[in-house]
N, C-alpha and C. Protein backbone atom coordinates (compact mmCIF):
# COMPACT_ATOMS: atom_id res chain seq x y z
N UNK A 1 0.94 -1.26 -0.28
CA UNK A 1 0.39 0.08 0.06
C UNK A 1 0.95 1.49 -0.03
N UNK A 2 0.73 2.09 -0.84
CA UNK A 2 1.12 3.22 -1.03
C UNK A 2 1.24 4.33 0.17
N UNK A 3 -0.33 4.10 0.44
CA UNK A 3 -0.69 5.37 1.78
C UNK A 3 -0.36 4.63 2.84
N UNK A 4 0.36 4.90 3.85
CA UNK A 4 0.52 4.56 5.30
C UNK A 4 -0.70 5.44 6.09
N UNK A 5 -1.32 6.54 6.01
CA UNK A 5 -2.42 7.09 6.93
C UNK A 5 -3.13 7.90 5.56
N UNK A 6 -4.15 8.15 6.18
CA UNK A 6 -5.23 9.38 5.78
C UNK A 6 -5.47 10.14 6.61
N UNK A 7 -5.23 11.87 6.47
CA UNK A 7 -5.67 12.65 7.32
C UNK A 7 -6.95 13.66 6.34
N UNK A 8 -8.21 13.70 7.06
CA UNK A 8 -8.94 14.52 6.68
C UNK A 8 -9.40 15.97 7.73
N UNK A 9 -9.51 17.00 6.87
CA UNK A 9 -10.03 18.00 7.57
C UNK A 9 -11.46 18.81 6.81
N UNK A 10 -12.08 18.90 7.71
CA UNK A 10 -13.55 19.40 7.39
C UNK A 10 -13.76 20.64 7.94
N UNK A 11 -13.87 21.61 7.43
CA UNK A 11 -14.26 23.06 7.81
C UNK A 11 -15.52 23.76 7.42
N UNK A 12 -16.03 24.90 8.20
CA UNK A 12 -16.95 25.78 7.49
C UNK A 12 -16.42 26.62 6.96
N UNK A 13 -16.16 26.92 5.73
CA UNK A 13 -16.20 27.95 4.53
C UNK A 13 -14.77 27.55 3.97
N UNK A 14 -14.45 27.58 2.77
CA UNK A 14 -13.45 27.40 2.18
C UNK A 14 -11.92 28.24 2.58
N UNK A 15 -12.16 29.68 2.99
CA UNK A 15 -10.92 30.52 3.65
C UNK A 15 -10.15 29.49 4.44
N UNK A 16 -10.93 29.11 5.68
CA UNK A 16 -9.95 28.41 6.81
C UNK A 16 -9.56 27.15 6.30
N UNK A 17 -10.33 26.58 5.20
CA UNK A 17 -9.93 25.21 4.50
C UNK A 17 -8.38 24.97 3.91
N UNK A 18 -8.41 25.98 3.09
CA UNK A 18 -7.18 26.57 2.32
C UNK A 18 -5.68 26.70 3.16
N UNK A 19 -6.52 27.84 4.50
CA UNK A 19 -5.25 27.81 4.90
C UNK A 19 -4.92 26.92 5.79
N UNK A 20 -5.43 26.19 6.39
CA UNK A 20 -5.17 24.74 7.05
C UNK A 20 -4.28 23.78 6.38
N UNK A 21 -4.94 23.60 4.98
CA UNK A 21 -4.40 22.54 4.32
C UNK A 21 -2.95 22.93 3.79
N UNK A 22 -2.80 24.42 4.00
CA UNK A 22 -1.38 25.02 3.32
C UNK A 22 -0.63 24.77 4.55
N UNK A 23 -0.90 24.94 5.54
CA UNK A 23 -0.20 24.93 6.61
C UNK A 23 0.14 23.05 6.95
N UNK A 24 -0.61 22.20 6.97
CA UNK A 24 -0.24 21.13 6.93
C UNK A 24 0.98 20.77 5.71
N UNK A 25 0.56 21.14 4.54
CA UNK A 25 1.38 20.97 3.20
C UNK A 25 2.85 21.50 3.97
N UNK A 26 2.84 22.47 4.41
CA UNK A 26 4.18 23.04 4.55
C UNK A 26 4.89 22.54 5.96
N UNK A 27 3.96 21.62 6.92
CA UNK A 27 4.65 21.35 8.49
C UNK A 27 4.89 20.05 8.13
N UNK A 28 4.73 19.19 7.25
CA UNK A 28 4.61 17.81 7.13
C UNK A 28 4.90 17.30 5.84
N UNK A 29 5.67 16.32 5.92
CA UNK A 29 5.84 15.72 4.35
C UNK A 29 4.68 14.63 4.40
N UNK A 30 3.68 15.24 3.70
CA UNK A 30 2.50 14.82 3.50
C UNK A 30 1.98 15.81 1.71
N UNK A 31 0.97 14.89 1.22
CA UNK A 31 0.60 15.38 0.12
C UNK A 31 -0.98 15.19 0.17
N UNK A 32 -1.60 16.05 -0.70
CA UNK A 32 -2.73 16.35 -0.91
C UNK A 32 -3.38 15.69 -1.87
N UNK A 33 -4.35 14.65 -1.57
CA UNK A 33 -4.80 13.51 -2.05
C UNK A 33 -6.41 14.10 -3.04
N UNK A 34 -6.21 14.53 -4.18
CA UNK A 34 -7.13 15.16 -5.15
C UNK A 34 -7.62 16.65 -4.65
N UNK A 35 -8.71 17.12 -5.22
CA UNK A 35 -9.24 18.42 -4.99
C UNK A 35 -9.73 18.74 -3.92
N UNK A 36 -9.75 19.97 -3.23
CA UNK A 36 -10.53 20.04 -1.66
C UNK A 36 -11.82 19.90 -2.60
N UNK A 37 -13.13 19.66 -1.48
CA UNK A 37 -14.37 19.61 -1.89
C UNK A 37 -15.18 20.17 -1.26
N UNK A 38 -16.29 20.94 -1.87
CA UNK A 38 -17.24 21.49 -1.06
C UNK A 38 -18.70 20.47 -0.94
N UNK A 39 -18.74 20.60 0.22
CA UNK A 39 -19.88 19.56 0.38
C UNK A 39 -21.35 19.96 0.60
N UNK A 40 -21.65 21.04 0.73
CA UNK A 40 -22.60 21.67 1.14
C UNK A 40 -22.93 22.36 2.03
N UNK A 41 -23.81 23.38 2.23
CA UNK A 41 -23.96 24.02 3.58
C UNK A 41 -22.88 24.42 4.18
N UNK A 42 -22.01 25.35 3.54
CA UNK A 42 -20.45 25.84 3.72
C UNK A 42 -19.54 24.84 4.04
N UNK A 43 -19.78 23.53 4.06
CA UNK A 43 -19.03 22.70 4.47
C UNK A 43 -18.03 22.00 3.68
N UNK A 44 -16.69 22.24 3.76
CA UNK A 44 -15.86 22.21 2.97
C UNK A 44 -14.71 20.98 3.26
N UNK A 45 -14.13 20.21 2.52
CA UNK A 45 -12.88 19.02 3.01
C UNK A 45 -11.70 18.77 2.33
N UNK A 46 -10.84 18.18 3.06
CA UNK A 46 -9.63 17.73 2.02
C UNK A 46 -8.86 16.55 2.61
N UNK A 47 -8.28 15.96 2.18
CA UNK A 47 -7.84 14.67 2.43
C UNK A 47 -5.93 14.88 2.24
N UNK A 48 -5.22 14.60 3.09
CA UNK A 48 -3.85 14.51 2.92
C UNK A 48 -3.55 13.04 3.13
N UNK A 49 -2.46 12.47 2.55
CA UNK A 49 -1.75 11.34 2.77
C UNK A 49 -0.39 11.49 3.07
N UNK A 50 0.14 10.38 3.68
CA UNK A 50 1.52 10.22 3.86
C UNK A 50 1.87 9.05 5.13
N UNK A 51 2.89 9.30 5.78
CA UNK A 51 2.90 8.28 6.69
C UNK A 51 2.39 8.51 8.25
N UNK A 52 2.25 8.14 9.12
CA UNK A 52 1.56 8.05 10.04
C UNK A 52 1.75 9.17 10.88
N UNK A 53 3.24 9.74 11.25
CA UNK A 53 3.81 10.80 11.97
C UNK A 53 3.65 11.83 11.22
N UNK A 54 4.01 12.06 9.72
CA UNK A 54 3.65 13.13 9.13
C UNK A 54 2.37 13.51 9.06
N UNK A 55 1.17 12.75 8.84
CA UNK A 55 0.03 12.98 8.76
C UNK A 55 -0.65 13.69 9.97
N UNK A 56 -0.25 13.03 11.07
CA UNK A 56 -1.03 13.70 12.55
C UNK A 56 -0.13 14.97 12.43
N UNK A 57 0.88 14.94 12.08
CA UNK A 57 1.37 16.53 12.44
C UNK A 57 0.99 17.41 11.48
N UNK A 58 0.64 17.31 10.23
CA UNK A 58 0.01 17.91 9.19
C UNK A 58 -1.70 18.36 9.88
N UNK A 59 -1.85 17.35 10.04
CA UNK A 59 -3.55 17.39 10.32
C UNK A 59 -3.67 18.24 11.71
N UNK A 60 -2.70 18.23 12.85
CA UNK A 60 -2.51 18.96 14.03
C UNK A 60 -2.27 20.27 13.72
N UNK A 61 -1.28 20.77 12.81
CA UNK A 61 -0.91 21.87 12.25
C UNK A 61 -2.47 22.74 11.39
N UNK A 62 -2.70 22.12 10.41
CA UNK A 62 -3.87 22.29 9.87
C UNK A 62 -5.16 22.66 10.52
N UNK A 63 -5.45 21.66 11.72
CA UNK A 63 -6.73 22.64 12.70
C UNK A 63 -6.28 23.64 13.32
N UNK A 64 -5.14 23.95 13.72
CA UNK A 64 -4.74 24.84 14.46
C UNK A 64 -4.73 26.17 13.47
N UNK A 65 -4.17 25.67 12.23
CA UNK A 65 -3.99 27.54 11.14
C UNK A 65 -5.70 27.74 10.97
N UNK A 66 -6.38 26.25 10.68
CA UNK A 66 -7.67 26.70 10.13
C UNK A 66 -9.09 27.32 11.36
N UNK A 67 -8.70 26.57 12.35
CA UNK A 67 -9.29 27.62 13.86
C UNK A 67 -9.01 28.94 14.02
N UNK A 68 -7.87 29.42 13.76
CA UNK A 68 -7.95 30.82 13.89
C UNK A 68 -8.79 31.70 12.87
N UNK A 69 -9.13 31.12 11.53
CA UNK A 69 -9.85 31.82 10.77
C UNK A 69 -11.44 31.34 10.76
N UNK A 70 -11.33 30.45 11.52
CA UNK A 70 -13.06 29.79 10.88
C UNK A 70 -13.23 28.52 11.91
N UNK A 71 -14.39 27.75 11.36
CA UNK A 71 -14.55 26.58 12.60
C UNK A 71 -14.04 25.37 11.35
N UNK A 72 -13.53 24.59 12.55
CA UNK A 72 -13.13 23.44 11.95
C UNK A 72 -13.88 22.17 12.74
N UNK A 73 -14.51 21.66 12.00
CA UNK A 73 -16.04 20.91 12.01
C UNK A 73 -15.16 19.55 12.73
N UNK A 74 -14.27 18.87 11.68
CA UNK A 74 -13.66 17.75 12.27
C UNK A 74 -12.16 17.46 11.59
N UNK A 75 -11.39 17.16 12.36
CA UNK A 75 -10.09 16.67 11.85
C UNK A 75 -9.67 15.46 12.44
N UNK A 76 -9.29 14.52 11.54
CA UNK A 76 -9.21 12.99 11.80
C UNK A 76 -7.92 12.19 11.31
N UNK A 77 -7.34 11.28 11.77
CA UNK A 77 -6.50 10.69 10.95
C UNK A 77 -6.65 9.25 10.93
N UNK A 78 -6.67 8.46 9.76
CA UNK A 78 -6.75 6.76 9.74
C UNK A 78 -5.43 6.09 9.63
N UNK A 79 -5.12 5.64 10.28
CA UNK A 79 -3.66 5.37 10.13
C UNK A 79 -3.51 3.60 9.42
N UNK A 80 -3.35 3.38 8.68
CA UNK A 80 -3.17 1.85 7.52
C UNK A 80 -4.72 1.93 7.37
N UNK A 81 -5.10 2.88 6.12
CA UNK A 81 -6.41 2.33 5.76
C UNK A 81 -6.55 1.45 4.83
N UNK A 82 -7.39 0.79 4.69
CA UNK A 82 -7.83 -0.62 3.81
C UNK A 82 -7.74 0.50 2.21
N UNK A 83 -7.81 -0.91 1.51
CA UNK A 83 -7.32 -0.28 -0.04
C UNK A 83 -8.40 0.08 -0.73
N UNK A 84 -9.61 -0.30 -0.09
CA UNK A 84 -10.95 0.24 -0.78
C UNK A 84 -11.20 1.92 -0.63
N UNK A 85 -10.52 2.24 0.49
CA UNK A 85 -10.34 3.69 0.87
C UNK A 85 -10.18 4.56 -0.16
N UNK A 86 -9.26 3.81 -1.00
CA UNK A 86 -8.52 4.75 -2.70
C UNK A 86 -9.56 4.97 -3.15
N UNK A 87 -10.64 4.43 -3.31
CA UNK A 87 -11.68 4.62 -4.56
C UNK A 87 -12.34 5.51 -3.83
N UNK A 88 -12.78 6.11 -2.54
CA UNK A 88 -13.06 6.89 -2.01
C UNK A 88 -12.73 8.43 -2.45
N UNK A 89 -11.49 8.68 -1.59
CA UNK A 89 -10.73 9.84 -1.66
C UNK A 89 -9.91 10.29 -2.95
N UNK A 90 -9.60 9.13 -3.73
CA UNK A 90 -8.62 9.54 -4.77
C UNK A 90 -9.97 10.13 -6.04
N UNK A 91 -8.78 11.70 -6.64
CA UNK A 91 -9.58 12.01 -7.92
C UNK A 91 -9.22 11.19 -9.11
N UNK A 92 -10.11 11.29 -10.31
CA UNK A 92 -10.11 10.77 -11.46
C UNK A 92 -8.81 11.20 -11.92
N UNK A 93 -8.06 10.25 -12.41
CA UNK A 93 -7.07 10.40 -13.40
C UNK A 93 -7.44 11.57 -14.19
N UNK A 94 -6.69 12.42 -14.49
CA UNK A 94 -6.90 13.23 -15.59
C UNK A 94 -6.43 12.86 -16.97
N UNK A 95 -7.12 12.80 -18.02
CA UNK A 95 -6.18 12.40 -19.56
C UNK A 95 -5.23 12.74 -19.92
N UNK A 96 -4.40 12.58 -20.43
CA UNK A 96 -3.06 13.42 -21.03
C UNK A 96 -3.64 13.75 -22.29
N UNK A 97 -3.17 15.19 -22.79
CA UNK A 97 -3.80 15.51 -24.12
C UNK A 97 -2.93 14.57 -24.84
N UNK A 98 -3.61 14.91 -26.31
CA UNK A 98 -3.14 14.04 -27.41
C UNK A 98 -1.67 14.73 -28.17
N UNK A 99 -1.06 14.04 -28.07
CA UNK A 99 0.23 14.48 -29.04
C UNK A 99 -0.17 15.39 -30.51
N UNK A 100 0.55 16.46 -30.40
CA UNK A 100 0.38 17.14 -31.97
C UNK A 100 1.26 16.48 -32.71
N UNK A 101 0.84 16.45 -34.01
CA UNK A 101 1.81 16.16 -35.10
C UNK A 101 2.22 16.98 -35.87
């Protein structure tokens, strides 16, 4: 399995989500898994992946940064997720543009 942990951050409002994910990406060796999503009713979420310690540190930093700008609804880390989770959190692969001749 390529991902050892998955971290989820859900906020009320996009601004605090962006600030939180920015803090997570800068503070730990994690990657953003797919685009940030608008759930509805001003709820937005994002998923980060990496090793367990890095994801935990990233989510802690993200929750702290996001809470300074708005409301953090949920911040959670799933260690060693099942491979079926990949279908839920991964964004569809974009097709590569056709080569010009």
